Amino acid sequence: ASGGGLVQAGGSLRLSCAASGRTFSTFSSNA
């Protein structure tokens, strides 16, 4: 996970989560 930080009220952030490993070889199989 990445993208966190300090922001003022009313602001925006976008978090990302990158998956790797055999379990995620077909990422669309994972909710």
Full PDB file with SEQRES, HELIX, SHEET, SSBOND, CRYST1, ORIGX, SCALE, CONECT and MASTER records, all heavy atoms in Angstrom:
SEQRES   1 A   31  ALA SER GLY GLY GLY LEU VAL GLN ALA GLY GLY SER LEU          
SEQRES   2 A   31  ARG LEU SER CYS ALA ALA SER GLY ARG THR PHE SER THR          
SEQRES   3 A   31  PHE SER SER ASN ALA                                          
HELIX    1 AA1 ARG A   22  PHE A   24  5                                   3    
HELIX    2 AA2 PHE A   27  SER A   29  5                                   3    
CRYST1    1.000    1.000    1.000  90.00  90.00  90.00 P 1           1          
ORIGX1      1.000000  0.000000  0.000000        0.00000                         
ORIGX2      0.000000  1.000000  0.000000        0.00000                         
ORIGX3      0.000000  0.000000  1.000000        0.00000                         
SCALE1      1.000000  0.000000  0.000000        0.00000                         
SCALE2      0.000000  1.000000  0.000000        0.00000                         
SCALE3      0.000000  0.000000  1.000000        0.00000                         
ATOM      1  N   ALA A   1       0.835  -1.200   0.000  1.00  0.00           N  
ATOM      2  CA  ALA A   1       0.000   0.000   0.000  1.00  0.00           C  
ATOM      3  C   ALA A   1       0.866   1.245   0.000  1.00  0.00           C  
ATOM      4  O   ALA A   1       1.936   1.269   0.631  1.00  0.00           O  
ATOM      5  CB  ALA A   1      -0.917   0.001   1.207  1.00  0.00           C  
ATOM      6  N   SER A   2       0.408   2.269  -0.689  1.00  0.00           N  
ATOM      7  CA  SER A   2       1.133   3.532  -0.736  1.00  0.00           C  
ATOM      8  C   SER A   2       0.146   4.670  -0.958  1.00  0.00           C  
ATOM      9  O   SER A   2      -1.032   4.437  -1.253  1.00  0.00           O  
ATOM     10  CB  SER A   2       2.173   3.508  -1.861  1.00  0.00           C  
ATOM     11  OG  SER A   2       1.534   3.333  -3.111  1.00  0.00           O  
ATOM     12  N   GLY A   3       0.650   5.900  -0.825  1.00  0.00           N  
ATOM     13  CA  GLY A   3      -0.166   7.066  -1.126  1.00  0.00           C  
ATOM     14  C   GLY A   3      -0.679   7.827   0.080  1.00  0.00           C  
ATOM     15  O   GLY A   3      -1.318   8.868  -0.078  1.00  0.00           O  
ATOM     16  N   GLY A   4      -0.427   7.329   1.266  1.00  0.00           N  
ATOM     17  CA  GLY A   4      -0.865   8.035   2.454  1.00  0.00           C  
ATOM     18  C   GLY A   4      -0.059   9.303   2.677  1.00  0.00           C  
ATOM     19  O   GLY A   4       0.928   9.565   1.985  1.00  0.00           O  
ATOM     20  N   GLY A   5      -0.491  10.092   3.644  1.00  0.00           N  
ATOM     21  CA  GLY A   5       0.221  11.317   3.946  1.00  0.00           C  
ATOM     22  C   GLY A   5      -0.596  12.231   4.821  1.00  0.00           C  
ATOM     23  O   GLY A   5      -1.625  11.828   5.383  1.00  0.00           O  
ATOM     24  N   LEU A   6      -0.128  13.478   4.924  1.00  0.00           N  
ATOM     25  CA  LEU A   6      -0.786  14.505   5.727  1.00  0.00           C  
ATOM     26  C   LEU A   6      -1.521  15.448   4.789  1.00  0.00           C  
ATOM     27  O   LEU A   6      -0.929  15.961   3.820  1.00  0.00           O  
ATOM     28  CB  LEU A   6       0.249  15.266   6.547  1.00  0.00           C  
ATOM     29  CG  LEU A   6      -0.241  16.486   7.333  1.00  0.00           C  
ATOM     30  CD1 LEU A   6      -1.256  16.069   8.390  1.00  0.00           C  
ATOM     31  CD2 LEU A   6       0.943  17.212   7.962  1.00  0.00           C  
ATOM     32  N   VAL A   7      -2.784  15.692   5.068  1.00  0.00           N  
ATOM     33  CA  VAL A   7      -3.590  16.567   4.211  1.00  0.00           C  
ATOM     34  C   VAL A   7      -4.537  17.382   5.091  1.00  0.00           C  
ATOM     35  O   VAL A   7      -4.926  16.923   6.178  1.00  0.00           O  
ATOM     36  CB  VAL A   7      -4.364  15.735   3.167  1.00  0.00           C  
ATOM     37  CG1 VAL A   7      -5.365  14.814   3.834  1.00  0.00           C  
ATOM     38  CG2 VAL A   7      -5.026  16.612   2.129  1.00  0.00           C  
ATOM     39  N   GLN A   8      -4.887  18.559   4.638  1.00  0.00           N  
ATOM     40  CA  GLN A   8      -5.840  19.379   5.375  1.00  0.00           C  
ATOM     41  C   GLN A   8      -7.261  18.894   5.137  1.00  0.00           C  
ATOM     42  O   GLN A   8      -7.562  18.273   4.093  1.00  0.00           O  
ATOM     43  CB  GLN A   8      -5.719  20.838   4.936  1.00  0.00           C  
ATOM     44  CG  GLN A   8      -4.462  21.522   5.453  1.00  0.00           C  
ATOM     45  CD  GLN A   8      -4.494  23.022   5.199  1.00  0.00           C  
ATOM     46  OE1 GLN A   8      -5.099  23.484   4.241  1.00  0.00           O  
ATOM     47  NE2 GLN A   8      -3.824  23.773   6.057  1.00  0.00           N  
ATOM     48  N   ALA A   9      -8.119  19.170   6.081  1.00  0.00           N  
ATOM     49  CA  ALA A   9      -9.532  18.828   5.922  1.00  0.00           C  
ATOM     50  C   ALA A   9     -10.070  19.417   4.620  1.00  0.00           C  
ATOM     51  O   ALA A   9      -9.752  20.576   4.269  1.00  0.00           O  
ATOM     52  CB  ALA A   9     -10.327  19.343   7.109  1.00  0.00           C  
ATOM     53  N   GLY A  10     -10.845  18.629   3.916  1.00  0.00           N  
ATOM     54  CA  GLY A  10     -11.365  19.037   2.623  1.00  0.00           C  
ATOM     55  C   GLY A  10     -10.498  18.614   1.452  1.00  0.00           C  
ATOM     56  O   GLY A  10     -10.919  18.721   0.290  1.00  0.00           O  
ATOM     57  N   GLY A  11      -9.303  18.150   1.754  1.00  0.00           N  
ATOM     58  CA  GLY A  11      -8.378  17.748   0.702  1.00  0.00           C  
ATOM     59  C   GLY A  11      -8.625  16.336   0.211  1.00  0.00           C  
ATOM     60  O   GLY A  11      -9.586  15.667   0.613  1.00  0.00           O  
ATOM     61  N   SER A  12      -7.723  15.889  -0.672  1.00  0.00           N  
ATOM     62  CA  SER A  12      -7.866  14.579  -1.306  1.00  0.00           C  
ATOM     63  C   SER A  12      -6.556  13.809  -1.253  1.00  0.00           C  
ATOM     64  O   SER A  12      -5.468  14.404  -1.226  1.00  0.00           O  
ATOM     65  CB  SER A  12      -8.282  14.734  -2.783  1.00  0.00           C  
ATOM     66  OG  SER A  12      -9.530  15.361  -2.898  1.00  0.00           O  
ATOM     67  N   LEU A  13      -6.691  12.503  -1.266  1.00  0.00           N  
ATOM     68  CA  LEU A  13      -5.550  11.598  -1.397  1.00  0.00           C  
ATOM     69  C   LEU A  13      -6.002  10.400  -2.218  1.00  0.00           C  
ATOM     70  O   LEU A  13      -7.190  10.049  -2.196  1.00  0.00           O  
ATOM     71  CB  LEU A  13      -5.051  11.102  -0.030  1.00  0.00           C  
ATOM     72  CG  LEU A  13      -4.210  12.028   0.838  1.00  0.00           C  
ATOM     73  CD1 LEU A  13      -3.973  11.384   2.199  1.00  0.00           C  
ATOM     74  CD2 LEU A  13      -2.897  12.376   0.174  1.00  0.00           C  
ATOM     75  N   ARG A  14      -5.055   9.774  -2.901  1.00  0.00           N  
ATOM     76  CA  ARG A  14      -5.353   8.525  -3.586  1.00  0.00           C  
ATOM     77  C   ARG A  14      -4.394   7.450  -3.085  1.00  0.00           C  
ATOM     78  O   ARG A  14      -3.178   7.594  -3.237  1.00  0.00           O  
ATOM     79  CB  ARG A  14      -5.243   8.647  -5.099  1.00  0.00           C  
ATOM     80  CG  ARG A  14      -5.743   7.383  -5.814  1.00  0.00           C  
ATOM     81  CD  ARG A  14      -5.789   7.502  -7.308  1.00  0.00           C  
ATOM     82  NE  ARG A  14      -4.520   7.187  -7.940  1.00  0.00           N  
ATOM     83  CZ  ARG A  14      -4.393   6.670  -9.153  1.00  0.00           C  
ATOM     84  NH1 ARG A  14      -5.471   6.405  -9.874  1.00  0.00           N  
ATOM     85  NH2 ARG A  14      -3.203   6.441  -9.663  1.00  0.00           N  
ATOM     86  N   LEU A  15      -4.948   6.420  -2.513  1.00  0.00           N  
ATOM     87  CA  LEU A  15      -4.160   5.286  -2.059  1.00  0.00           C  
ATOM     88  C   LEU A  15      -4.086   4.245  -3.174  1.00  0.00           C  
ATOM     89  O   LEU A  15      -5.046   4.063  -3.937  1.00  0.00           O  
ATOM     90  CB  LEU A  15      -4.781   4.658  -0.819  1.00  0.00           C  
ATOM     91  CG  LEU A  15      -5.033   5.584   0.372  1.00  0.00           C  
ATOM     92  CD1 LEU A  15      -5.566   4.773   1.553  1.00  0.00           C  
ATOM     93  CD2 LEU A  15      -3.801   6.353   0.758  1.00  0.00           C  
ATOM     94  N   SER A  16      -2.954   3.574  -3.232  1.00  0.00           N  
ATOM     95  CA  SER A  16      -2.765   2.478  -4.173  1.00  0.00           C  
ATOM     96  C   SER A  16      -2.346   1.236  -3.415  1.00  0.00           C  
ATOM     97  O   SER A  16      -1.693   1.327  -2.367  1.00  0.00           O  
ATOM     98  CB  SER A  16      -1.680   2.817  -5.199  1.00  0.00           C  
ATOM     99  OG  SER A  16      -2.036   3.948  -5.951  1.00  0.00           O  
ATOM    100  N   CYS A  17      -2.688   0.094  -3.960  1.00  0.00           N  
ATOM    101  CA  CYS A  17      -2.267  -1.178  -3.371  1.00  0.00           C  
ATOM    102  C   CYS A  17      -1.890  -2.116  -4.513  1.00  0.00           C  
ATOM    103  O   CYS A  17      -2.757  -2.521  -5.289  1.00  0.00           O  
ATOM    104  CB  CYS A  17      -3.381  -1.771  -2.525  1.00  0.00           C  
ATOM    105  SG  CYS A  17      -3.005  -3.403  -1.842  1.00  0.00           S  
ATOM    106  N   ALA A  18      -0.618  -2.419  -4.589  1.00  0.00           N  
ATOM    107  CA  ALA A  18      -0.112  -3.295  -5.649  1.00  0.00           C  
ATOM    108  C   ALA A  18       0.045  -4.714  -5.118  1.00  0.00           C  
ATOM    109  O   ALA A  18       0.646  -4.924  -4.060  1.00  0.00           O  
ATOM    110  CB  ALA A  18       1.231  -2.769  -6.151  1.00  0.00           C  
ATOM    111  N   ALA A  19      -0.496  -5.668  -5.856  1.00  0.00           N  
ATOM    112  CA  ALA A  19      -0.448  -7.074  -5.450  1.00  0.00           C  
ATOM    113  C   ALA A  19       0.568  -7.838  -6.273  1.00  0.00           C  
ATOM    114  O   ALA A  19       0.661  -7.656  -7.494  1.00  0.00           O  
ATOM    115  CB  ALA A  19      -1.824  -7.695  -5.609  1.00  0.00           C  
ATOM    116  N   SER A  20       1.321  -8.687  -5.622  1.00  0.00           N  
ATOM    117  CA  SER A  20       2.297  -9.514  -6.335  1.00  0.00           C  
ATOM    118  C   SER A  20       2.352 -10.895  -5.681  1.00  0.00           C  
ATOM    119  O   SER A  20       1.987 -11.061  -4.520  1.00  0.00           O  
ATOM    120  CB  SER A  20       3.673  -8.860  -6.310  1.00  0.00           C  
ATOM    121  OG  SER A  20       4.132  -8.690  -4.987  1.00  0.00           O  
ATOM    122  N   GLY A  21       2.794 -11.853  -6.458  1.00  0.00           N  
ATOM    123  CA  GLY A  21       2.871 -13.213  -5.960  1.00  0.00           C  
ATOM    124  C   GLY A  21       1.943 -14.136  -6.709  1.00  0.00           C  
ATOM    125  O   GLY A  21       1.035 -13.700  -7.417  1.00  0.00           O  
ATOM    126  N   ARG A  22       2.153 -15.409  -6.496  1.00  0.00           N  
ATOM    127  CA  ARG A  22       1.441 -16.424  -7.260  1.00  0.00           C  
ATOM    128  C   ARG A  22      -0.072 -16.353  -7.063  1.00  0.00           C  
ATOM    129  O   ARG A  22      -0.841 -16.577  -7.999  1.00  0.00           O  
ATOM    130  CB  ARG A  22       1.955 -17.799  -6.845  1.00  0.00           C  
ATOM    131  CG  ARG A  22       1.486 -18.916  -7.720  1.00  0.00           C  
ATOM    132  CD  ARG A  22       2.201 -20.186  -7.361  1.00  0.00           C  
ATOM    133  NE  ARG A  22       1.788 -21.283  -8.220  1.00  0.00           N  
ATOM    134  CZ  ARG A  22       2.290 -22.500  -8.149  1.00  0.00           C  
ATOM    135  NH1 ARG A  22       3.230 -22.781  -7.274  1.00  0.00           N  
ATOM    136  NH2 ARG A  22       1.864 -23.445  -8.946  1.00  0.00           N  
ATOM    137  N   THR A  23      -0.506 -16.024  -5.866  1.00  0.00           N  
ATOM    138  CA  THR A  23      -1.940 -15.944  -5.571  1.00  0.00           C  
ATOM    139  C   THR A  23      -2.635 -14.938  -6.471  1.00  0.00           C  
ATOM    140  O   THR A  23      -3.817 -15.071  -6.764  1.00  0.00           O  
ATOM    141  CB  THR A  23      -2.147 -15.565  -4.098  1.00  0.00           C  
ATOM    142  OG1 THR A  23      -1.601 -16.596  -3.282  1.00  0.00           O  
ATOM    143  CG2 THR A  23      -3.623 -15.375  -3.766  1.00  0.00           C  
ATOM    144  N   PHE A  24      -1.878 -13.942  -6.924  1.00  0.00           N  
ATOM    145  CA  PHE A  24      -2.477 -12.870  -7.708  1.00  0.00           C  
ATOM    146  C   PHE A  24      -2.116 -12.975  -9.195  1.00  0.00           C  
ATOM    147  O   PHE A  24      -2.142 -11.976  -9.912  1.00  0.00           O  
ATOM    148  CB  PHE A  24      -2.044 -11.521  -7.148  1.00  0.00           C  
ATOM    149  CG  PHE A  24      -2.403 -11.345  -5.696  1.00  0.00           C  
ATOM    150  CD1 PHE A  24      -1.416 -11.231  -4.727  1.00  0.00           C  
ATOM    151  CD2 PHE A  24      -3.729 -11.318  -5.293  1.00  0.00           C  
ATOM    152  CE1 PHE A  24      -1.738 -11.088  -3.388  1.00  0.00           C  
ATOM    153  CE2 PHE A  24      -4.062 -11.164  -3.961  1.00  0.00           C  
ATOM    154  CZ  PHE A  24      -3.058 -11.055  -3.003  1.00  0.00           C  
ATOM    155  N   SER A  25      -1.785 -14.200  -9.624  1.00  0.00           N  
ATOM    156  CA  SER A  25      -1.430 -14.363 -11.034  1.00  0.00           C  
ATOM    157  C   SER A  25      -2.604 -14.007 -11.944  1.00  0.00           C  
ATOM    158  O   SER A  25      -2.411 -13.537 -13.064  1.00  0.00           O  
ATOM    159  CB  SER A  25      -0.964 -15.794 -11.294  1.00  0.00           C  
ATOM    160  OG  SER A  25      -1.982 -16.713 -10.941  1.00  0.00           O  
ATOM    161  N   THR A  26      -3.814 -14.231 -11.459  1.00  0.00           N  
ATOM    162  CA  THR A  26      -5.018 -13.740 -12.138  1.00  0.00           C  
ATOM    163  C   THR A  26      -5.721 -12.814 -11.156  1.00  0.00           C  
ATOM    164  O   THR A  26      -6.580 -13.239 -10.382  1.00  0.00           O  
ATOM    165  CB  THR A  26      -5.935 -14.891 -12.556  1.00  0.00           C  
ATOM    166  OG1 THR A  26      -5.205 -15.841 -13.309  1.00  0.00           O  
ATOM    167  CG2 THR A  26      -7.106 -14.356 -13.380  1.00  0.00           C  
ATOM    168  N   PHE A  27      -5.337 -11.575 -11.177  1.00  0.00           N  
ATOM    169  CA  PHE A  27      -5.774 -10.613 -10.163  1.00  0.00           C  
ATOM    170  C   PHE A  27      -7.285 -10.460 -10.114  1.00  0.00           C  
ATOM    171  O   PHE A  27      -7.861 -10.227  -9.059  1.00  0.00           O  
ATOM    172  CB  PHE A  27      -5.100  -9.259 -10.429  1.00  0.00           C  
ATOM    173  CG  PHE A  27      -5.292  -8.254  -9.333  1.00  0.00           C  
ATOM    174  CD1 PHE A  27      -4.943  -8.537  -8.027  1.00  0.00           C  
ATOM    175  CD2 PHE A  27      -5.818  -6.993  -9.615  1.00  0.00           C  
ATOM    176  CE1 PHE A  27      -5.111  -7.608  -7.016  1.00  0.00           C  
ATOM    177  CE2 PHE A  27      -5.990  -6.050  -8.615  1.00  0.00           C  
ATOM    178  CZ  PHE A  27      -5.638  -6.355  -7.311  1.00  0.00           C  
ATOM    179  N   SER A  28      -7.933 -10.653 -11.252  1.00  0.00           N  
ATOM    180  CA  SER A  28      -9.384 -10.502 -11.292  1.00  0.00           C  
ATOM    181  C   SER A  28     -10.101 -11.614 -10.526  1.00  0.00           C  
ATOM    182  O   SER A  28     -11.317 -11.549 -10.334  1.00  0.00           O  
ATOM    183  CB  SER A  28      -9.879 -10.485 -12.737  1.00  0.00           C  
ATOM    184  OG  SER A  28      -9.494 -11.673 -13.398  1.00  0.00           O  
ATOM    185  N   SER A  29      -9.366 -12.614 -10.062  1.00  0.00           N  
ATOM    186  CA  SER A  29      -9.945 -13.688  -9.257  1.00  0.00           C  
ATOM    187  C   SER A  29     -10.046 -13.324  -7.785  1.00  0.00           C  
ATOM    188  O   SER A  29     -10.565 -14.116  -6.988  1.00  0.00           O  
ATOM    189  CB  SER A  29      -9.088 -14.963  -9.376  1.00  0.00           C  
ATOM    190  OG  SER A  29      -9.070 -15.431 -10.702  1.00  0.00           O  
ATOM    191  N   ASN A  30      -9.532 -12.156  -7.434  1.00  0.00           N  
ATOM    192  CA  ASN A  30      -9.476 -11.755  -6.028  1.00  0.00           C  
ATOM    193  C   ASN A  30     -10.285 -10.496  -5.774  1.00  0.00           C  
ATOM    194  O   ASN A  30      -9.960  -9.426  -6.312  1.00  0.00           O  
ATOM    195  CB  ASN A  30      -8.026 -11.487  -5.616  1.00  0.00           C  
ATOM    196  CG  ASN A  30      -7.113 -12.671  -5.866  1.00  0.00           C  
ATOM    197  OD1 ASN A  30      -6.435 -12.731  -6.891  1.00  0.00           O  
ATOM    198  ND2 ASN A  30      -7.122 -13.613  -4.964  1.00  0.00           N  
ATOM    199  N   ALA A  31     -11.313 -10.631  -4.950  1.00  0.00           N  
ATOM    200  CA  ALA A  31     -11.973  -9.428  -4.462  1.00  0.00           C  
ATOM    201  C   ALA A  31     -11.009  -8.695  -3.535  1.00  0.00           C  
ATOM    202  O   ALA A  31     -10.182  -9.318  -2.860  1.00  0.00           O  
ATOM    203  CB  ALA A  31     -13.244  -9.781  -3.714  1.00  0.00           C  
TER     204      ALA A  31                                                      
MASTER        0    0    0    2    0    0    0    6  203    1    0    3          
END                                                                             
